[in-house]
PDB file of N, CA and C in Angstrom:
ATOM      1  N   MET A   1      10.354 -10.887  -1.213  1.00  0.00           N
ATOM      2  CA  MET A   1       9.024 -11.333  -0.873  1.00  0.00           C
ATOM      3  C   MET A   1       8.095 -10.122  -0.875  1.00  0.00           C
ATOM      4  N   ILE A   2       6.899 -10.308  -1.371  1.00  0.00           N
ATOM      5  CA  ILE A   2       5.893  -9.249  -1.314  1.00  0.00           C
ATOM      6  C   ILE A   2       4.628  -9.793  -0.656  1.00  0.00           C
ATOM      7  N   VAL A   3       3.894  -8.891  -0.068  1.00  0.00           N
ATOM      8  CA  VAL A   3       2.589  -9.200   0.517  1.00  0.00           C
ATOM      9  C   VAL A   3       1.617  -8.167  -0.037  1.00  0.00           C
ATOM     10  N   MET A   4       0.489  -8.635  -0.531  1.00  0.00           N
ATOM     11  CA  MET A   4      -0.543  -7.724  -1.032  1.00  0.00           C
ATOM     12  C   MET A   4      -1.866  -8.072  -0.365  1.00  0.00           C
ATOM     13  N   THR A   5      -2.621  -7.037  -0.043  1.00  0.00           N
ATOM     14  CA  THR A   5      -3.979  -7.252   0.469  1.00  0.00           C
ATOM     15  C   THR A   5      -4.956  -6.512  -0.425  1.00  0.00           C
ATOM     16  N   LEU A   6      -6.076  -7.136  -0.683  1.00  0.00           N
ATOM     17  CA  LEU A   6      -7.112  -6.544  -1.521  1.00  0.00           C
ATOM     18  C   LEU A   6      -8.435  -6.566  -0.770  1.00  0.00           C
ATOM     19  N   GLU A   7      -9.159  -5.462  -0.844  1.00  0.00           N
ATOM     20  CA  GLU A   7     -10.489  -5.368  -0.229  1.00  0.00           C
ATOM     21  C   GLU A   7     -11.453  -4.801  -1.259  1.00  0.00           C
ATOM     22  N   ARG A   8     -12.592  -5.398  -1.380  1.00  0.00           N
ATOM     23  CA  ARG A   8     -13.689  -4.917  -2.251  1.00  0.00           C
ATOM     24  C   ARG A   8     -13.227  -4.691  -3.697  1.00  0.00           C
ATOM     25  N   VAL A   9     -12.479  -5.626  -4.248  1.00  0.00           N
ATOM     26  CA  VAL A   9     -12.045  -5.534  -5.641  1.00  0.00           C
ATOM     27  C   VAL A   9     -12.790  -6.591  -6.450  1.00  0.00           C
ATOM     28  N   PRO A  10     -12.837  -6.455  -7.763  1.00  0.00           N
ATOM     29  CA  PRO A  10     -13.525  -7.443  -8.598  1.00  0.00           C
ATOM     30  C   PRO A  10     -12.883  -8.834  -8.455  1.00  0.00           C
ATOM     31  N   PRO A  11     -13.704  -9.890  -8.495  1.00  0.00           N
ATOM     32  CA  PRO A  11     -13.168 -11.254  -8.377  1.00  0.00           C
ATOM     33  C   PRO A  11     -12.138 -11.588  -9.463  1.00  0.00           C
ATOM     34  N   SER A  12     -12.286 -11.006 -10.645  1.00  0.00           N
ATOM     35  CA  SER A  12     -11.326 -11.292 -11.709  1.00  0.00           C
ATOM     36  C   SER A  12      -9.920 -10.810 -11.345  1.00  0.00           C
ATOM     37  N   LEU A  13      -9.830  -9.722 -10.603  1.00  0.00           N
ATOM     38  CA  LEU A  13      -8.530  -9.220 -10.170  1.00  0.00           C
ATOM     39  C   LEU A  13      -7.903 -10.170  -9.159  1.00  0.00           C
ATOM     40  N   ARG A  14      -8.720 -10.727  -8.293  1.00  0.00           N
ATOM     41  CA  ARG A  14      -8.205 -11.714  -7.331  1.00  0.00           C
ATOM     42  C   ARG A  14      -7.660 -12.929  -8.065  1.00  0.00           C
ATOM     43  N   GLY A  15      -8.374 -13.362  -9.077  1.00  0.00           N
ATOM     44  CA  GLY A  15      -7.919 -14.495  -9.864  1.00  0.00           C
ATOM     45  C   GLY A  15      -6.621 -14.204 -10.598  1.00  0.00           C
ATOM     46  N   GLU A  16      -6.503 -12.999 -11.092  1.00  0.00           N
ATOM     47  CA  GLU A  16      -5.278 -12.596 -11.796  1.00  0.00           C
ATOM     48  C   GLU A  16      -4.070 -12.670 -10.865  1.00  0.00           C
ATOM     49  N   LEU A  17      -4.244 -12.234  -9.638  1.00  0.00           N
ATOM     50  CA  LEU A  17      -3.115 -12.259  -8.701  1.00  0.00           C
ATOM     51  C   LEU A  17      -2.672 -13.666  -8.344  1.00  0.00           C
ATOM     52  N   THR A  18      -3.605 -14.618  -8.338  1.00  0.00           N
ATOM     53  CA  THR A  18      -3.232 -15.988  -7.972  1.00  0.00           C
ATOM     54  C   THR A  18      -2.330 -16.641  -9.023  1.00  0.00           C
ATOM     55  N   ARG A  19      -2.184 -16.020 -10.169  1.00  0.00           N
ATOM     56  CA  ARG A  19      -1.229 -16.532 -11.159  1.00  0.00           C
ATOM     57  C   ARG A  19       0.208 -16.304 -10.693  1.00  0.00           C
ATOM     58  N   TRP A  20       0.404 -15.282  -9.857  1.00  0.00           N
ATOM     59  CA  TRP A  20       1.749 -14.898  -9.438  1.00  0.00           C
ATOM     60  C   TRP A  20       1.995 -15.118  -7.952  1.00  0.00           C
ATOM     61  N   LEU A  21       0.935 -15.021  -7.155  1.00  0.00           N
ATOM     62  CA  LEU A  21       1.079 -15.061  -5.700  1.00  0.00           C
ATOM     63  C   LEU A  21       0.136 -16.111  -5.116  1.00  0.00           C
ATOM     64  N   ILE A  22       0.426 -16.534  -3.875  1.00  0.00           N
ATOM     65  CA  ILE A  22      -0.432 -17.495  -3.179  1.00  0.00           C
ATOM     66  C   ILE A  22      -1.391 -16.724  -2.282  1.00  0.00           C
ATOM     67  N   GLU A  23      -2.667 -17.066  -2.357  1.00  0.00           N
ATOM     68  CA  GLU A  23      -3.659 -16.425  -1.495  1.00  0.00           C
ATOM     69  C   GLU A  23      -3.712 -17.218  -0.195  1.00  0.00           C
ATOM     70  N   VAL A  24      -3.045 -16.707   0.846  1.00  0.00           N
ATOM     71  CA  VAL A  24      -2.953 -17.430   2.117  1.00  0.00           C
ATOM     72  C   VAL A  24      -4.206 -17.261   2.970  1.00  0.00           C
ATOM     73  N   GLN A  25      -4.938 -16.227   2.727  1.00  0.00           N
ATOM     74  CA  GLN A  25      -6.214 -15.973   3.398  1.00  0.00           C
ATOM     75  C   GLN A  25      -7.001 -15.099   2.436  1.00  0.00           C
ATOM     76  N   THR A  26      -8.270 -15.006   2.596  1.00  0.00           N
ATOM     77  CA  THR A  26      -9.079 -14.210   1.673  1.00  0.00           C
ATOM     78  C   THR A  26      -8.540 -12.785   1.570  1.00  0.00           C
ATOM     79  N   GLY A  27      -8.099 -12.425   0.370  1.00  0.00           N
ATOM     80  CA  GLY A  27      -7.612 -11.077   0.118  1.00  0.00           C
ATOM     81  C   GLY A  27      -6.169 -10.837   0.504  1.00  0.00           C
ATOM     82  N   VAL A  28      -5.451 -11.845   1.007  1.00  0.00           N
ATOM     83  CA  VAL A  28      -4.044 -11.685   1.408  1.00  0.00           C
ATOM     84  C   VAL A  28      -3.187 -12.571   0.506  1.00  0.00           C
ATOM     85  N   TYR A  29      -2.268 -11.955  -0.232  1.00  0.00           N
ATOM     86  CA  TYR A  29      -1.442 -12.661  -1.215  1.00  0.00           C
ATOM     87  C   TYR A  29       0.029 -12.503  -0.853  1.00  0.00           C
ATOM     88  N   VAL A  30       0.780 -13.616  -0.983  1.00  0.00           N
ATOM     89  CA  VAL A  30       2.201 -13.623  -0.643  1.00  0.00           C
ATOM     90  C   VAL A  30       2.956 -14.289  -1.781  1.00  0.00           C
ATOM     91  N   GLY A  31       4.155 -13.776  -2.058  1.00  0.00           N
ATOM     92  CA  GLY A  31       4.971 -14.409  -3.081  1.00  0.00           C
ATOM     93  C   GLY A  31       6.333 -13.763  -3.186  1.00  0.00           C
ATOM     94  N   ALA A  32       7.181 -14.381  -3.991  1.00  0.00           N
ATOM     95  CA  ALA A  32       8.516 -13.848  -4.262  1.00  0.00           C
ATOM     96  C   ALA A  32       8.616 -13.642  -5.760  1.00  0.00           C
ATOM     97  N   VAL A  33       8.623 -12.395  -6.161  1.00  0.00           N
ATOM     98  CA  VAL A  33       8.704 -12.045  -7.579  1.00  0.00           C
ATOM     99  C   VAL A  33       9.766 -10.967  -7.751  1.00  0.00           C
ATOM    100  N   SER A  34      10.167 -10.745  -8.977  1.00  0.00           N
ATOM    101  CA  SER A  34      11.161  -9.699  -9.243  1.00  0.00           C
ATOM    102  C   SER A  34      10.536  -8.311  -9.038  1.00  0.00           C
ATOM    103  N   ALA A  35      11.394  -7.302  -8.955  1.00  0.00           N
ATOM    104  CA  ALA A  35      10.908  -5.936  -8.778  1.00  0.00           C
ATOM    105  C   ALA A  35      10.046  -5.508  -9.960  1.00  0.00           C
ATOM    106  N   THR A  36      10.400  -5.955 -11.143  1.00  0.00           N
ATOM    107  CA  THR A  36       9.616  -5.604 -12.328  1.00  0.00           C
ATOM    108  C   THR A  36       8.216  -6.184 -12.246  1.00  0.00           C
ATOM    109  N   VAL A  37       8.115  -7.467 -11.898  1.00  0.00           N
ATOM    110  CA  VAL A  37       6.796  -8.104 -11.786  1.00  0.00           C
ATOM    111  C   VAL A  37       6.010  -7.468 -10.647  1.00  0.00           C
ATOM    112  N   ARG A  38       6.694  -7.184  -9.542  1.00  0.00           N
ATOM    113  CA  ARG A  38       6.024  -6.527  -8.400  1.00  0.00           C
ATOM    114  C   ARG A  38       5.386  -5.205  -8.835  1.00  0.00           C
ATOM    115  N   ASP A  39       6.140  -4.395  -9.569  1.00  0.00           N
ATOM    116  CA  ASP A  39       5.617  -3.101 -10.010  1.00  0.00           C
ATOM    117  C   ASP A  39       4.495  -3.264 -11.036  1.00  0.00           C
ATOM    118  N   LEU A  40       4.629  -4.242 -11.918  1.00  0.00           N
ATOM    119  CA  LEU A  40       3.559  -4.488 -12.895  1.00  0.00           C
ATOM    120  C   LEU A  40       2.284  -4.969 -12.215  1.00  0.00           C
ATOM    121  N   LEU A  41       2.432  -5.830 -11.188  1.00  0.00           N
ATOM    122  CA  LEU A  41       1.260  -6.286 -10.441  1.00  0.00           C
ATOM    123  C   LEU A  41       0.583  -5.102  -9.734  1.00  0.00           C
ATOM    124  N   TRP A  42       1.398  -4.214  -9.175  1.00  0.00           N
ATOM    125  CA  TRP A  42       0.832  -3.053  -8.496  1.00  0.00           C
ATOM    126  C   TRP A  42       0.067  -2.166  -9.476  1.00  0.00           C
ATOM    127  N   ASP A  43       0.667  -1.921 -10.648  1.00  0.00           N
ATOM    128  CA  ASP A  43      -0.010  -1.108 -11.664  1.00  0.00           C
ATOM    129  C   ASP A  43      -1.341  -1.725 -12.073  1.00  0.00           C
ATOM    130  N   LYS A  44      -1.362  -3.043 -12.262  1.00  0.00           N
ATOM    131  CA  LYS A  44      -2.584  -3.732 -12.676  1.00  0.00           C
ATOM    132  C   LYS A  44      -3.650  -3.632 -11.579  1.00  0.00           C
ATOM    133  N   VAL A  45      -3.230  -3.853 -10.338  1.00  0.00           N
ATOM    134  CA  VAL A  45      -4.182  -3.790  -9.227  1.00  0.00           C
ATOM    135  C   VAL A  45      -4.780  -2.394  -9.105  1.00  0.00           C
ATOM    136  N   VAL A  46      -3.956  -1.374  -9.215  1.00  0.00           N
ATOM    137  CA  VAL A  46      -4.443   0.004  -9.095  1.00  0.00           C
ATOM    138  C   VAL A  46      -5.410   0.331 -10.236  1.00  0.00           C
ATOM    139  N   GLN A  47      -5.106  -0.136 -11.439  1.00  0.00           N
ATOM    140  CA  GLN A  47      -5.965   0.147 -12.584  1.00  0.00           C
ATOM    141  C   GLN A  47      -7.337  -0.501 -12.475  1.00  0.00           C
ATOM    142  N   HIS A  48      -7.393  -1.706 -11.880  1.00  0.00           N
ATOM    143  CA  HIS A  48      -8.638  -2.468 -11.866  1.00  0.00           C
ATOM    144  C   HIS A  48      -9.314  -2.539 -10.500  1.00  0.00           C
ATOM    145  N   ALA A  49      -8.833  -1.832  -9.526  1.00  0.00           N
ATOM    146  CA  ALA A  49      -9.386  -1.933  -8.171  1.00  0.00           C
ATOM    147  C   ALA A  49     -10.751  -1.269  -8.046  1.00  0.00           C
ATOM    148  N   ARG A  50     -11.065  -0.363  -8.955  1.00  0.00           N
ATOM    149  CA  ARG A  50     -12.311   0.420  -8.886  1.00  0.00           C
ATOM    150  C   ARG A  50     -12.421   1.092  -7.524  1.00  0.00           C
ATOM    151  N   ALA A  51     -13.471   0.812  -6.754  1.00  0.00           N
ATOM    152  CA  ALA A  51     -13.638   1.465  -5.448  1.00  0.00           C
ATOM    153  C   ALA A  51     -12.969   0.681  -4.327  1.00  0.00           C
ATOM    154  N   GLY A  52     -12.219  -0.366  -4.678  1.00  0.00           N
ATOM    155  CA  GLY A  52     -11.586  -1.205  -3.669  1.00  0.00           C
ATOM    156  C   GLY A  52     -10.331  -0.584  -3.078  1.00  0.00           C
ATOM    157  N   ARG A  53      -9.746  -1.321  -2.162  1.00  0.00           N
ATOM    158  CA  ARG A  53      -8.553  -0.841  -1.476  1.00  0.00           C
ATOM    159  C   ARG A  53      -7.468  -1.902  -1.603  1.00  0.00           C
ATOM    160  N   CYS A  54      -6.225  -1.455  -1.847  1.00  0.00           N
ATOM    161  CA  CYS A  54      -5.110  -2.364  -2.052  1.00  0.00           C
ATOM    162  C   CYS A  54      -3.902  -1.881  -1.257  1.00  0.00           C
ATOM    163  N   THR A  55      -3.137  -2.819  -0.754  1.00  0.00           N
ATOM    164  CA  THR A  55      -1.909  -2.514  -0.039  1.00  0.00           C
ATOM    165  C   THR A  55      -0.834  -3.487  -0.504  1.00  0.00           C
ATOM    166  N   GLN A  56       0.371  -2.978  -0.692  1.00  0.00           N
ATOM    167  CA  GLN A  56       1.493  -3.838  -1.072  1.00  0.00           C
ATOM    168  C   GLN A  56       2.681  -3.523  -0.160  1.00  0.00           C
ATOM    169  N   LEU A  57       3.285  -4.556   0.387  1.00  0.00           N
ATOM    170  CA  LEU A  57       4.503  -4.439   1.185  1.00  0.00           C
ATOM    171  C   LEU A  57       5.593  -5.214   0.480  1.00  0.00           C
ATOM    172  N   TYR A  58       6.799  -4.654   0.432  1.00  0.00           N
ATOM    173  CA  TYR A  58       7.899  -5.347  -0.213  1.00  0.00           C
ATOM    174  C   TYR A  58       9.216  -4.925   0.415  1.00  0.00           C
ATOM    175  N   ARG A  59      10.207  -5.783   0.228  1.00  0.00           N
ATOM    176  CA  ARG A  59      11.526  -5.519   0.792  1.00  0.00           C
ATOM    177  C   ARG A  59      12.112  -4.272   0.141  1.00  0.00           C
ATOM    178  N   ALA A  60      12.729  -3.418   0.968  1.00  0.00           N
ATOM    179  CA  ALA A  60      13.355  -2.200   0.464  1.00  0.00           C
ATOM    180  C   ALA A  60      14.626  -1.933   1.258  1.00  0.00           C
ATOM    181  N   ASN A  61      15.539  -1.215   0.645  1.00  0.00           N
ATOM    182  CA  ASN A  61      16.804  -0.893   1.290  1.00  0.00           C
ATOM    183  C   ASN A  61      16.650   0.416   2.081  1.00  0.00           C
ATOM    184  N   ASN A  62      15.969   0.339   3.206  1.00  0.00           N
ATOM    185  CA  ASN A  62      15.796   1.492   4.084  1.00  0.00           C
ATOM    186  C   ASN A  62      15.876   1.014   5.533  1.00  0.00           C
ATOM    187  N   GLU A  63      15.702   1.905   6.473  1.00  0.00           N
ATOM    188  CA  GLU A  63      15.837   1.547   7.892  1.00  0.00           C
ATOM    189  C   GLU A  63      14.830   0.497   8.321  1.00  0.00           C
ATOM    190  N   GLN A  64      13.636   0.561   7.785  1.00  0.00           N
ATOM    191  CA  GLN A  64      12.600  -0.401   8.151  1.00  0.00           C
ATOM    192  C   GLN A  64      12.786  -1.752   7.472  1.00  0.00           C
ATOM    193  N   GLY A  65      13.476  -1.751   6.338  1.00  0.00           N
ATOM    194  CA  GLY A  65      13.680  -2.994   5.605  1.00  0.00           C
ATOM    195  C   GLY A  65      12.533  -3.344   4.673  1.00  0.00           C
ATOM    196  N   PHE A  66      11.518  -2.507   4.633  1.00  0.00           N
ATOM    197  CA  PHE A  66      10.384  -2.742   3.737  1.00  0.00           C
ATOM    198  C   PHE A  66       9.742  -1.415   3.382  1.00  0.00           C
ATOM    199  N   ALA A  67       8.935  -1.438   2.337  1.00  0.00           N
ATOM    200  CA  ALA A  67       8.177  -0.257   1.919  1.00  0.00           C
ATOM    201  C   ALA A  67       6.710  -0.645   1.786  1.00  0.00           C
ATOM    202  N   ILE A  68       5.850   0.335   1.894  1.00  0.00           N
ATOM    203  CA  ILE A  68       4.407   0.109   1.839  1.00  0.00           C
ATOM    204  C   ILE A  68       3.816   1.020   0.768  1.00  0.00           C
ATOM    205  N   ARG A  69       2.880   0.461  -0.003  1.00  0.00           N
ATOM    206  CA  ARG A  69       2.079   1.244  -0.940  1.00  0.00           C
ATOM    207  C   ARG A  69       0.624   1.012  -0.587  1.00  0.00           C
ATOM    208  N   MET A  70      -0.180   2.058  -0.675  1.00  0.00           N
ATOM    209  CA  MET A  70      -1.620   1.916  -0.443  1.00  0.00           C
ATOM    210  C   MET A  70      -2.370   2.625  -1.548  1.00  0.00           C
ATOM    211  N   HIS A  71      -3.506   2.085  -1.905  1.00  0.00           N
ATOM    212  CA  HIS A  71      -4.371   2.692  -2.913  1.00  0.00           C
ATOM    213  C   HIS A  71      -5.816   2.537  -2.455  1.00  0.00           C
ATOM    214  N   GLY A  72      -6.600   3.586  -2.645  1.00  0.00           N
ATOM    215  CA  GLY A  72      -8.011   3.541  -2.292  1.00  0.00           C
ATOM    216  C   GLY A  72      -8.290   4.222  -0.973  1.00  0.00           C
ATOM    217  N   GLU A  73      -9.543   4.514  -0.778  1.00  0.00           N
ATOM    218  CA  GLU A  73      -9.962   5.202   0.441  1.00  0.00           C
ATOM    219  C   GLU A  73     -10.199   4.202   1.565  1.00  0.00           C
ATOM    220  N   GLY A  74      -9.779   4.591   2.744  1.00  0.00           N
ATOM    221  CA  GLY A  74      -9.981   3.750   3.913  1.00  0.00           C
ATOM    222  C   GLY A  74      -9.633   4.519   5.162  1.00  0.00           C
ATOM    223  N   ARG A  75      -9.779   3.880   6.286  1.00  0.00           N
ATOM    224  CA  ARG A  75      -9.471   4.549   7.551  1.00  0.00           C
ATOM    225  C   ARG A  75      -7.969   4.663   7.771  1.00  0.00           C
ATOM    226  N   ARG A  76      -7.188   3.798   7.125  1.00  0.00           N
ATOM    227  CA  ARG A  76      -5.742   3.812   7.328  1.00  0.00           C
ATOM    228  C   ARG A  76      -5.062   4.503   6.155  1.00  0.00           C
ATOM    229  N   THR A  77      -4.049   5.298   6.474  1.00  0.00           N
ATOM    230  CA  THR A  77      -3.297   5.997   5.450  1.00  0.00           C
ATOM    231  C   THR A  77      -1.827   6.017   5.830  1.00  0.00           C
ATOM    232  N   LEU A  78      -0.962   6.141   4.832  1.00  0.00           N
ATOM    233  CA  LEU A  78       0.474   6.187   5.088  1.00  0.00           C
ATOM    234  C   LEU A  78       0.896   7.579   5.510  1.00  0.00           C
ATOM    235  N   VAL A  79       1.796   7.622   6.460  1.00  0.00           N
ATOM    236  CA  VAL A  79       2.375   8.874   6.922  1.00  0.00           C
ATOM    237  C   VAL A  79       3.879   8.680   6.968  1.00  0.00           C
ATOM    238  N   LYS A  80       4.628   9.635   6.408  1.00  0.00           N
ATOM    239  CA  LYS A  80       6.082   9.576   6.482  1.00  0.00           C
ATOM    240  C   LYS A  80       6.530  10.463   7.629  1.00  0.00           C
ATOM    241  N   LEU A  81       7.329   9.894   8.512  1.00  0.00           N
ATOM    242  CA  LEU A  81       7.820  10.634   9.664  1.00  0.00           C
ATOM    243  C   LEU A  81       9.307  10.354   9.805  1.00  0.00           C
ATOM    244  N   GLU A  82      10.114  11.360   9.512  1.00  0.00           N
ATOM    245  CA  GLU A  82      11.573  11.264   9.623  1.00  0.00           C
ATOM    246  C   GLU A  82      12.117  10.045   8.881  1.00  0.00           C
ATOM    247  N   GLY A  83      11.629   9.832   7.682  1.00  0.00           N
ATOM    248  CA  GLY A  83      12.123   8.753   6.852  1.00  0.00           C
ATOM    249  C   GLY A  83      11.449   7.409   7.072  1.00  0.00           C
ATOM    250  N   TYR A  84      10.581   7.317   8.057  1.00  0.00           N
ATOM    251  CA  TYR A  84       9.863   6.075   8.322  1.00  0.00           C
ATOM    252  C   TYR A  84       8.458   6.170   7.755  1.00  0.00           C
ATOM    253  N   GLN A  85       7.979   5.051   7.240  1.00  0.00           N
ATOM    254  CA  GLN A  85       6.597   4.957   6.816  1.00  0.00           C
ATOM    255  C   GLN A  85       5.782   4.405   7.975  1.00  0.00           C
ATOM    256  N   LEU A  86       4.775   5.122   8.369  1.00  0.00           N
ATOM    257  CA  LEU A  86       3.890   4.686   9.446  1.00  0.00           C
ATOM    258  C   LEU A  86       2.464   4.649   8.914  1.00  0.00           C
ATOM    259  N   VAL A  87       1.624   3.905   9.574  1.00  0.00           N
ATOM    260  CA  VAL A  87       0.217   3.824   9.192  1.00  0.00           C
ATOM    261  C   VAL A  87      -0.593   4.585  10.234  1.00  0.00           C
ATOM    262  N   ALA A  88      -1.328   5.582   9.772  1.00  0.00           N
ATOM    263  CA  ALA A  88      -2.182   6.375  10.650  1.00  0.00           C
ATOM    264  C   ALA A  88      -3.629   5.940  10.457  1.00  0.00           C
ATOM    265  N   VAL A  89      -4.328   5.840  11.550  1.00  0.00           N
ATOM    266  CA  VAL A  89      -5.751   5.499  11.512  1.00  0.00           C
ATOM    267  C   VAL A  89      -6.532   6.791  11.648  1.00  0.00           C
ATOM    268  N   ARG A  90      -7.398   7.027  10.679  1.00  0.00           N
ATOM    269  CA  ARG A  90      -8.182   8.272  10.684  1.00  0.00           C
ATOM    270  C   ARG A  90      -9.270   8.193  11.753  1.00  0.00           C
ATOM    271  N   ASP A  91      -9.134   9.051  12.730  1.00  0.00           N
ATOM    272  CA  ASP A  91     -10.165   9.177  13.748  1.00  0.00           C
ATOM    273  C   ASP A  91     -10.377  10.660  14.009  1.00  0.00           C
ATOM    274  N   ALA A  92     -10.962  11.004  15.125  1.00  0.00           N
ATOM    275  CA  ALA A  92     -11.277  12.403  15.397  1.00  0.00           C
ATOM    276  C   ALA A  92     -10.020  13.264  15.494  1.00  0.00           C
ATOM    277  N   ARG A  93      -8.894  12.727  15.928  1.00  0.00           N
ATOM    278  CA  ARG A  93      -7.673  13.501  16.088  1.00  0.00           C
ATOM    279  C   ARG A  93      -6.810  13.495  14.832  1.00  0.00           C
ATOM    280  N   TYR A  94      -7.164  12.740  13.812  1.00  0.00           N
ATOM    281  CA  TYR A  94      -6.321  12.588  12.631  1.00  0.00           C
ATOM    282  C   TYR A  94      -6.004  13.931  11.980  1.00  0.00           C
ATOM    283  N   GLU A  95      -7.009  14.753  11.703  1.00  0.00           N
ATOM    284  CA  GLU A  95      -6.777  16.026  11.009  1.00  0.00           C
ATOM    285  C   GLU A  95      -5.895  16.956  11.839  1.00  0.00           C
ATOM    286  N   THR A  96      -6.044  16.933  13.151  1.00  0.00           N
ATOM    287  CA  THR A  96      -5.212  17.762  14.015  1.00  0.00           C
ATOM    288  C   THR A  96      -3.765  17.309  13.977  1.00  0.00           C
ATOM    289  N   LEU A  97      -3.539  16.025  14.114  1.00  0.00           N
ATOM    290  CA  LEU A  97      -2.175  15.505  14.126  1.00  0.00           C
ATOM    291  C   LEU A  97      -1.531  15.572  12.742  1.00  0.00           C
ATOM    292  N   LYS A  98      -2.330  15.483  11.689  1.00  0.00           N
ATOM    293  CA  LYS A  98      -1.809  15.533  10.322  1.00  0.00           C
ATOM    294  C   LYS A  98      -1.064  16.840  10.079  1.00  0.00           C
ATOM    295  N   ARG A  99      -1.612  17.935  10.572  1.00  0.00           N
ATOM    296  CA  ARG A  99      -0.954  19.236  10.411  1.00  0.00           C
ATOM    297  C   ARG A  99       0.399  19.267  11.105  1.00  0.00           C
ATOM    298  N   ASP A 100       0.507  18.590  12.245  1.00  0.00           N
ATOM    299  CA  ASP A 100       1.761  18.605  13.000  1.00  0.00           C
ATOM    300  C   ASP A 100       2.847  17.758  12.354  1.00  0.00           C
ATOM    301  N   PHE A 101       2.480  16.689  11.659  1.00  0.00           N
ATOM    302  CA  PHE A 101       3.467  15.762  11.141  1.00  0.00           C
ATOM    303  C   PHE A 101       3.723  15.871   9.650  1.00  0.00           C
ATOM    304  N   GLN A 102       3.015  16.717   8.938  1.00  0.00           N
ATOM    305  CA  GLN A 102       3.290  16.904   7.527  1.00  0.00           C
ATOM    306  C   GLN A 102       3.765  18.329   7.308  1.00  0.00           C
ATOM    307  N   PRO A 103       4.941  18.504   6.717  1.00  0.00           N
ATOM    308  CA  PRO A 103       5.439  19.852   6.495  1.00  0.00           C
ATOM    309  C   PRO A 103       4.598  20.572   5.453  1.00  0.00           C
ATOM    310  N   PRO A 104       4.580  21.909   5.510  1.00  0.00           N
ATOM    311  CA  PRO A 104       3.857  22.668   4.487  1.00  0.00           C
ATOM    312  C   PRO A 104       4.399  22.336   3.097  1.00  0.00           C
ATOM    313  N   GLU A 105       3.556  22.467   2.088  1.00  0.00           N
ATOM    314  CA  GLU A 105       3.947  22.092   0.727  1.00  0.00           C
ATOM    315  C   GLU A 105       5.163  22.858   0.238  1.00  0.00           C
ATOM    316  N   GLU A 106       5.308  24.132   0.649  1.00  0.00           N
ATOM    317  CA  GLU A 106       6.449  24.892   0.163  1.00  0.00           C
ATOM    318  C   GLU A 106       7.774  24.317   0.667  1.00  0.00           C
ATOM    319  N   LEU A 107       7.775  23.656   1.831  1.00  0.00           N
ATOM    320  CA  LEU A 107       8.996  23.026   2.319  1.00  0.00           C
ATOM    321  C   LEU A 107       9.301  21.729   1.586  1.00  0.00           C
ATOM    322  N   GLU A 108       8.268  21.004   1.139  1.00  0.00           N
ATOM    323  CA  GLU A 108       8.477  19.751   0.429  1.00  0.00           C
ATOM    324  C   GLU A 108       9.136  19.971  -0.923  1.00  0.00           C
ATOM    325  N   THR A 109       8.933  21.120  -1.528  1.00  0.00           N
ATOM    326  CA  THR A 109       9.479  21.358  -2.859  1.00  0.00           C
ATOM    327  C   THR A 109      10.924  21.830  -2.823  1.00  0.00           C
ATOM    328  N   LEU A 110      11.462  22.163  -1.634  1.00  0.00           N
ATOM    329  CA  LEU A 110      12.848  22.626  -1.542  1.00  0.00           C
ATOM    330  C   LEU A 110      13.821  21.502  -1.774  1.00  0.00           C
TER     331      LEU A 110
END
């Protein structure tokens, strides 16, 4: 099962998604598709989102049981913490906490 949310995207993109998924609420799409179709839908959404924002959640073989993808600028961003994907809300403390929870780039390349 996948869940996708779209904000401020062209109406044609919303229509395209309804071919594969059910729009349960404005901008919220749910469906059961193969991993290939899921990835193709994500690629299409990212290509045509323009200044909009998109999020996709899908089942994954990890501790959380799901994975999250986000595209576009917004107040919420993904943060990886000890193998978990968390959503951080950008506020006044975001930049301070970001330094504490993201390792320096030289450690990521090891």
